[in-house]
Structure formats: structure tokens, C-alpha cells
Amino acid sequence: MKNFIIRALTGALFVAVLIGSILWNMSSFSLLFAIITGMCIGEFCKLVNSKEDVKVNTFICSMSGVFLFLAFSAFCSNITPSGIFIPYLLSIIYLLVSELYLKSEHALNNWAYTMMSQLYIALPFATLNILAFQPETTSSLGIVYTPILPLSIFIFLWANDTGAYCIGCLFGKHRLFPRISPKKSWEGSIGGATVAIAASQIIGTFDTSLYRWEWLGLSLVVVVFGTWGDLVESLIKRQLQIKDSGNILPGHGGMLDRFDSSLLAIPASVIYIYTLTLI
């Protein structure tokens, strides 16, 4: 009972901070996700560094990811030109070249995990800015901060997780991906998708920036790629032979455990939204 209360309180605080920061303004949004990006990369680096044949630079990888997010935020909001990305490119070059002088016996592993920290974590979070800042001719900057799109990604993920857990516990019989995640079921996945679709139609009632069918499509994209994102992290943890990515969130594991689904759902949603502009 005590663990359930701790888990519930932690979850409620986590959701409140996330929603509050996204809705408050663009500065709170950027600050929160810059911190989340750094924490997730730091957690990832700590996990892979536990392997005997890997040694990545946790500090530089984390700071590079934070800078990439902030650079995307500044660029997407028209605050600064594309030259803002130069320091990030220099950090990537440094991380590659430095292995020439460290005399590591496993340089290839170090390079691979270093680049994975950026491609798997930093880049997806950075692209969240593409959803947060949309063109607006009436704005002096020609762009406007639109919190509903990035927030909707997490609402759909939470709706999917809640529906999948409840329906899966009640009716789950057919395993979705037993090799990687034996607890997930097809029944739960269908139930989660149904709840996410319902959430999309509620959002569509109050927000007309997208048509209802476009909101529905976005929810399905988030469900499918969010499920794959969860499975990807599950596979990583199986490879590393760990249960949770960390323990920073009591009852919920680590930061990667909380944002694993979003790491594929965010870029997939960006592609979906961009595709809509071409129709």
C-alpha cells in the first residue's frame, strides 16, 4: 500500500510539472525539456558505461544534448539563425576525434554509444520544438508557441498506457511481443489505442488547429510508435540485463523509463504533421 501511494504521488507530481511547464510559456517548456534531455542522456551513458567494453563521456554527451535542444528551440522560434548549431557540431567532432588519443581498446563501442545517445535521445527531444513552434503570419516573429501539440503527444501516450494497462489486466491473453515484453498483450494495445483515440476527439472538440480526423491520425501515430519506443527501451534493458533505467522517480524507475515511448512518438509525430502540410 505504501509503495502504491508513493507511486501515485510521484506520478501526479510528474504529470503536473510536465503539463504546467508546457502550458506556462515557451521558456518553461524549453527549460524543462532541456533538463529532461540532459538527465535522460546522463542516465543512458551511466547504463552503457557499466559495460566493461564501453566508456563514453557522460558530461559532454549530456551537455551536447542539452545544447541541441536549446539550439532547436531558439532556431524554431526565430530567435537566432542556423549558426547556433555550430557549437553542437564541434562537440560531436570532438567526441569522435578524442577517441584517437584516449587509446581505448574499444573505440568503436565508445563511438557507437556516443552517437546513439544523440540520435536516440537528444534528436527526438530536440524535434519536439518543431511541434511547439508553428508559423503564424500575424506574429512579429512569424511564428507562435503552440503548447497543445507537444502536450497532446504526452496525453495520447498516457491515455494509451492507462488503457493498455487496464484492458490488458482484465482481458489480456494474446502476447504482443513476448520475446521482449511478455506482459504486453494485443487486447491491451487495442484498448490503449481506443482510449487514445477518445482523448484525441476530446482535444479536437476544443482545439481546431487540426481537423478531428487529423487529431485521430496523430493519436494513432503516437500509439504505434510509442509502443515501439517502449519496446526499444525494453530491448536495451534486456541487453544490459537491468530492470529499470534508474531510480530517480520513486515507483516509476528512471527518466528513460518515463520517456521511452516518446523517443519514437515525437519524431514520428513531426513527420505526420509535416505530411499533413503537403496534402
Protein backbone atom coordinates (compact mmCIF):
# COMPACT_ATOMS: atom_id res chain seq x y z
CA MET A 1 0.00 0.00 0.00
CA LYS A 2 2.84 2.37 0.87
CA ASN A 3 4.53 1.72 -2.50
CA PHE A 4 1.25 2.39 -4.30
CA ILE A 5 0.84 5.75 -2.52
CA ILE A 6 4.43 6.75 -3.33
CA ARG A 7 3.96 5.72 -6.95
CA ALA A 8 0.68 7.64 -7.22
CA LEU A 9 2.10 10.81 -5.65
CA THR A 10 5.21 10.68 -7.81
CA GLY A 11 3.11 10.15 -10.93
CA ALA A 12 0.76 13.01 -10.07
CA LEU A 13 3.65 15.39 -9.42
CA PHE A 14 5.39 14.29 -12.62
CA VAL A 15 2.27 14.94 -14.72
CA ALA A 16 1.58 18.28 -13.01
CA VAL A 17 5.11 19.56 -13.63
CA LEU A 18 5.07 18.42 -17.25
CA ILE A 19 1.66 19.92 -18.07
CA GLY A 20 2.34 23.10 -16.12
CA SER A 21 5.70 23.72 -17.77
CA ILE A 22 4.37 23.12 -21.29
CA LEU A 23 1.34 25.37 -20.82
CA TRP A 24 3.04 28.15 -18.86
CA ASN A 25 5.17 29.62 -21.63
CA MET A 26 7.92 28.80 -24.12
CA SER A 27 10.68 29.48 -21.59
CA SER A 28 9.37 26.98 -19.04
CA PHE A 29 8.81 24.45 -21.85
CA SER A 30 12.38 24.86 -23.13
CA LEU A 31 13.93 24.77 -19.67
CA LEU A 32 12.06 21.64 -18.60
CA PHE A 33 12.85 19.60 -21.68
CA ALA A 34 16.45 20.76 -21.79
CA ILE A 35 16.78 19.36 -18.25
CA ILE A 36 14.92 16.17 -19.20
CA THR A 37 17.17 15.70 -22.23
CA GLY A 38 20.32 16.05 -20.13
CA MET A 39 19.03 13.70 -17.44
CA CYS A 40 17.98 11.02 -19.93
CA ILE A 41 21.31 11.12 -21.74
CA GLY A 42 23.21 11.06 -18.45
CA GLU A 43 21.18 8.04 -17.36
CA PHE A 44 21.80 6.30 -20.69
CA CYS A 45 25.55 6.96 -20.51
CA LYS A 46 25.70 5.66 -16.95
CA LEU A 47 23.98 2.45 -18.03
CA VAL A 48 26.23 1.75 -21.01
CA ASN A 49 29.35 2.67 -19.04
CA SER A 50 28.51 -0.20 -16.72
CA LYS A 51 29.64 -2.50 -19.55
CA GLU A 52 33.32 -3.41 -19.40
CA ASP A 53 33.93 -2.62 -23.07
CA VAL A 54 32.32 0.86 -23.10
CA LYS A 55 33.47 4.24 -21.81
CA VAL A 56 31.61 7.30 -23.10
CA ASN A 57 31.99 10.87 -21.89
CA THR A 58 28.80 11.33 -19.88
CA PHE A 59 29.25 15.06 -19.23
CA ILE A 60 29.94 16.12 -22.82
CA CYS A 61 27.26 13.81 -24.24
CA SER A 62 24.70 15.23 -21.81
CA MET A 63 25.68 18.87 -22.34
CA SER A 64 25.70 18.38 -26.12
CA GLY A 65 22.15 17.02 -25.96
CA VAL A 66 21.01 19.93 -23.79
CA PHE A 67 22.60 22.41 -26.20
CA LEU A 68 20.96 20.71 -29.20
CA PHE A 69 17.54 21.05 -27.60
CA LEU A 70 18.06 24.71 -26.74
CA ALA A 71 19.51 25.40 -30.21
CA PHE A 72 16.44 23.85 -31.83
CA SER A 73 14.22 25.90 -29.52
CA ALA A 74 15.98 29.15 -30.41
CA PHE A 75 16.07 28.34 -34.12
CA CYS A 76 12.45 27.17 -34.37
CA SER A 77 11.25 30.29 -32.52
CA ASN A 78 13.18 32.52 -34.95
CA ILE A 79 15.30 33.93 -32.12
CA THR A 80 18.62 33.04 -33.76
CA PRO A 81 19.96 31.92 -37.17
CA SER A 82 21.13 28.42 -38.05
CA GLY A 83 24.70 29.21 -36.93
CA ILE A 84 23.53 28.33 -33.42
CA PHE A 85 24.18 24.67 -34.30
CA ILE A 86 27.93 25.16 -34.88
CA PRO A 87 28.94 24.54 -31.21
CA TYR A 88 26.94 21.31 -31.24
CA LEU A 89 28.68 20.12 -34.41
CA LEU A 90 32.04 20.94 -32.82
CA SER A 91 31.16 18.86 -29.76
CA ILE A 92 30.30 15.88 -31.97
CA ILE A 93 33.59 16.26 -33.83
CA TYR A 94 35.42 16.39 -30.50
CA LEU A 95 33.69 13.24 -29.24
CA LEU A 96 34.80 11.40 -32.38
CA VAL A 97 38.35 12.74 -32.62
CA SER A 98 39.07 12.36 -28.89
CA GLU A 99 38.95 8.58 -29.21
CA LEU A 100 42.09 8.79 -31.36
CA TYR A 101 44.04 9.97 -28.32
CA LEU A 102 42.39 8.05 -25.48
CA LYS A 103 43.98 4.76 -26.57
CA SER A 104 40.85 2.80 -25.77
CA GLU A 105 40.72 -0.83 -26.83
CA HIS A 106 37.01 -0.44 -27.60
CA ALA A 107 36.88 2.85 -29.51
CA LEU A 108 34.21 1.57 -31.89
CA ASN A 109 31.88 0.76 -28.98
CA ASN A 110 32.51 4.20 -27.48
CA TRP A 111 31.71 5.90 -30.78
CA ALA A 112 28.59 3.81 -31.30
CA TYR A 113 27.10 4.50 -27.86
CA THR A 114 28.13 8.17 -28.01
CA MET A 115 26.27 8.67 -31.29
CA MET A 116 23.35 6.61 -30.01
CA SER A 117 22.93 8.98 -27.08
CA GLN A 118 22.45 11.81 -29.58
CA LEU A 119 20.34 10.01 -32.18
CA TYR A 120 18.20 8.01 -29.76
CA ILE A 121 17.62 10.70 -27.12
CA ALA A 122 18.88 14.19 -27.97
CA LEU A 123 17.49 14.45 -31.51
CA PRO A 124 13.93 13.21 -30.72
CA PHE A 125 13.59 15.63 -27.81
CA ALA A 126 15.00 18.45 -29.95
CA THR A 127 12.37 17.84 -32.63
CA LEU A 128 9.68 18.47 -30.03
CA ASN A 129 10.37 22.14 -30.76
CA ILE A 130 9.12 21.66 -34.32
CA LEU A 131 5.71 20.80 -32.86
CA ALA A 132 5.86 23.59 -30.28
CA PHE A 133 6.56 26.43 -32.73
CA GLN A 134 4.24 26.88 -35.70
CA PRO A 135 4.23 29.53 -38.48
CA GLU A 136 1.94 32.49 -37.78
CA THR A 137 1.72 35.46 -40.16
CA THR A 138 0.21 37.76 -37.53
CA SER A 139 3.17 37.31 -35.18
CA SER A 140 6.08 39.76 -35.30
CA LEU A 141 8.47 36.80 -35.41
CA GLY A 142 6.39 34.97 -37.98
CA ILE A 143 6.00 32.09 -35.56
CA VAL A 144 3.97 31.30 -32.44
CA TYR A 145 4.36 28.96 -29.49
CA THR A 146 1.63 26.29 -29.64
CA PRO A 147 1.74 24.15 -26.48
CA ILE A 148 -1.22 21.96 -27.39
CA LEU A 149 0.67 19.92 -30.00
CA PRO A 150 3.61 18.82 -27.81
CA LEU A 151 1.26 18.35 -24.86
CA SER A 152 -1.08 16.17 -26.94
CA ILE A 153 1.77 13.72 -27.61
CA PHE A 154 2.10 13.04 -23.89
CA ILE A 155 -1.66 12.97 -23.33
CA PHE A 156 -2.01 10.30 -26.01
CA LEU A 157 0.90 8.32 -24.53
CA TRP A 158 -0.62 8.49 -21.04
CA ALA A 159 -4.06 7.55 -22.40
CA ASN A 160 -2.56 4.64 -24.29
CA ASP A 161 -0.60 3.40 -21.26
CA THR A 162 -3.63 3.68 -18.98
CA GLY A 163 -5.98 1.94 -21.41
CA ALA A 164 -3.45 -0.77 -22.23
CA TYR A 165 -2.81 -1.49 -18.54
CA CYS A 166 -6.49 -1.66 -17.57
CA ILE A 167 -7.72 -3.64 -20.56
CA GLY A 168 -4.62 -5.82 -20.54
CA CYS A 169 -5.13 -6.76 -16.88
CA LEU A 170 -8.78 -7.62 -17.48
CA PHE A 171 -8.73 -9.29 -20.89
CA GLY A 172 -5.09 -9.70 -21.98
CA LYS A 173 -4.43 -13.20 -23.31
CA HIS A 174 -2.50 -12.87 -26.57
CA ARG A 175 1.07 -11.64 -26.11
CA LEU A 176 2.08 -8.69 -28.30
CA PHE A 177 5.87 -9.15 -28.21
CA PRO A 178 6.71 -11.98 -25.78
CA ARG A 179 10.43 -12.07 -26.68
CA ILE A 180 10.97 -8.53 -25.37
CA SER A 181 7.98 -7.57 -23.23
CA PRO A 182 5.96 -10.61 -22.07
CA LYS A 183 3.40 -8.51 -20.18
CA LYS A 184 2.10 -6.58 -23.20
CA SER A 185 -0.95 -8.02 -24.94
CA TRP A 186 -2.84 -7.34 -28.16
CA GLU A 187 -6.01 -6.77 -26.15
CA GLY A 188 -4.24 -4.16 -24.03
CA SER A 189 -2.79 -2.45 -27.08
CA ILE A 190 -6.20 -2.22 -28.73
CA GLY A 191 -7.70 -0.89 -25.50
CA GLY A 192 -4.93 1.68 -25.18
CA ALA A 193 -5.41 2.83 -28.77
CA THR A 194 -9.15 3.21 -28.17
CA VAL A 195 -8.61 5.42 -25.13
CA ALA A 196 -6.01 7.50 -27.01
CA ILE A 197 -8.43 7.99 -29.93
CA ALA A 198 -11.13 9.11 -27.48
CA ALA A 199 -8.67 11.60 -25.99
CA SER A 200 -7.87 12.91 -29.47
CA GLN A 201 -11.52 13.63 -30.15
CA ILE A 202 -11.90 15.46 -26.85
CA ILE A 203 -8.89 17.63 -27.75
CA GLY A 204 -10.31 18.14 -31.24
CA THR A 205 -13.50 19.50 -29.70
CA PHE A 206 -11.64 22.36 -28.02
CA ASP A 207 -8.74 22.86 -30.42
CA THR A 208 -9.44 23.41 -34.11
CA SER A 209 -5.83 23.79 -35.27
CA LEU A 210 -6.27 20.29 -36.68
CA TYR A 211 -9.39 18.63 -38.06
CA ARG A 212 -10.84 15.83 -35.95
CA TRP A 213 -9.60 13.17 -38.38
CA GLU A 214 -6.13 14.72 -38.19
CA TRP A 215 -6.19 14.52 -34.40
CA LEU A 216 -7.33 10.91 -34.71
CA GLY A 217 -4.46 10.15 -37.08
CA LEU A 218 -1.98 11.81 -34.73
CA SER A 219 -3.20 9.70 -31.81
CA LEU A 220 -2.73 6.51 -33.84
CA VAL A 221 0.78 7.56 -34.86
CA VAL A 222 1.63 8.21 -31.21
CA VAL A 223 0.17 4.86 -30.12
CA VAL A 224 2.01 2.79 -32.73
CA PHE A 225 5.39 4.50 -32.44
CA GLY A 226 5.04 4.96 -28.69
CA THR A 227 4.59 1.19 -28.33
CA TRP A 228 7.67 0.59 -30.48
CA GLY A 229 9.57 3.16 -28.42
CA ASP A 230 8.68 1.28 -25.24
CA LEU A 231 9.80 -2.00 -26.81
CA VAL A 232 13.09 -0.46 -27.95
CA GLU A 233 13.95 0.57 -24.39
CA SER A 234 12.84 -2.85 -23.13
CA LEU A 235 15.27 -4.44 -25.59
CA ILE A 236 18.06 -2.12 -24.41
CA LYS A 237 17.40 -3.08 -20.78
CA ARG A 238 17.38 -6.77 -21.69
CA GLN A 239 20.71 -6.37 -23.45
CA LEU A 240 22.11 -4.62 -20.38
CA GLN A 241 20.36 -7.09 -18.04
CA ILE A 242 18.67 -4.44 -15.89
CA LYS A 243 15.08 -3.93 -14.74
CA ASP A 244 14.87 -0.12 -14.59
CA SER A 245 16.99 2.56 -16.21
CA GLY A 246 17.30 4.35 -12.85
CA ASN A 247 15.53 5.16 -9.59
CA ILE A 248 15.14 8.94 -9.68
CA LEU A 249 11.34 8.65 -9.78
CA PRO A 250 10.16 6.54 -6.79
CA GLY A 251 7.90 3.74 -8.01
CA HIS A 252 8.45 4.65 -11.66
CA GLY A 253 12.11 3.87 -12.30
CA GLY A 254 14.33 6.26 -14.20
CA MET A 255 13.84 9.11 -16.66
CA LEU A 256 14.26 6.83 -19.67
CA ASP A 257 11.56 4.56 -18.27
CA ARG A 258 9.17 7.53 -18.28
CA PHE A 259 10.09 8.92 -21.70
CA ASP A 260 10.97 5.78 -23.67
CA SER A 261 7.71 5.83 -25.65
CA SER A 262 8.10 9.48 -26.59
CA LEU A 263 11.54 8.95 -28.15
CA LEU A 264 9.94 7.40 -31.21
CA ALA A 265 6.50 9.01 -30.91
CA ILE A 266 7.86 12.58 -31.11
CA PRO A 267 9.80 12.31 -34.41
CA ALA A 268 7.01 10.19 -35.92
CA SER A 269 4.51 12.91 -34.97
CA VAL A 270 6.72 15.56 -36.57
CA ILE A 271 6.74 13.55 -39.80
CA TYR A 272 2.95 13.14 -39.59
CA ILE A 273 2.31 16.87 -39.03
CA TYR A 274 4.70 17.77 -41.85
CA THR A 275 2.95 15.28 -44.16
CA LEU A 276 -0.38 16.98 -43.43
CA THR A 277 1.03 20.26 -44.75
CA LEU A 278 1.77 18.54 -48.07
CA ILE A 279 -1.78 17.24 -48.57
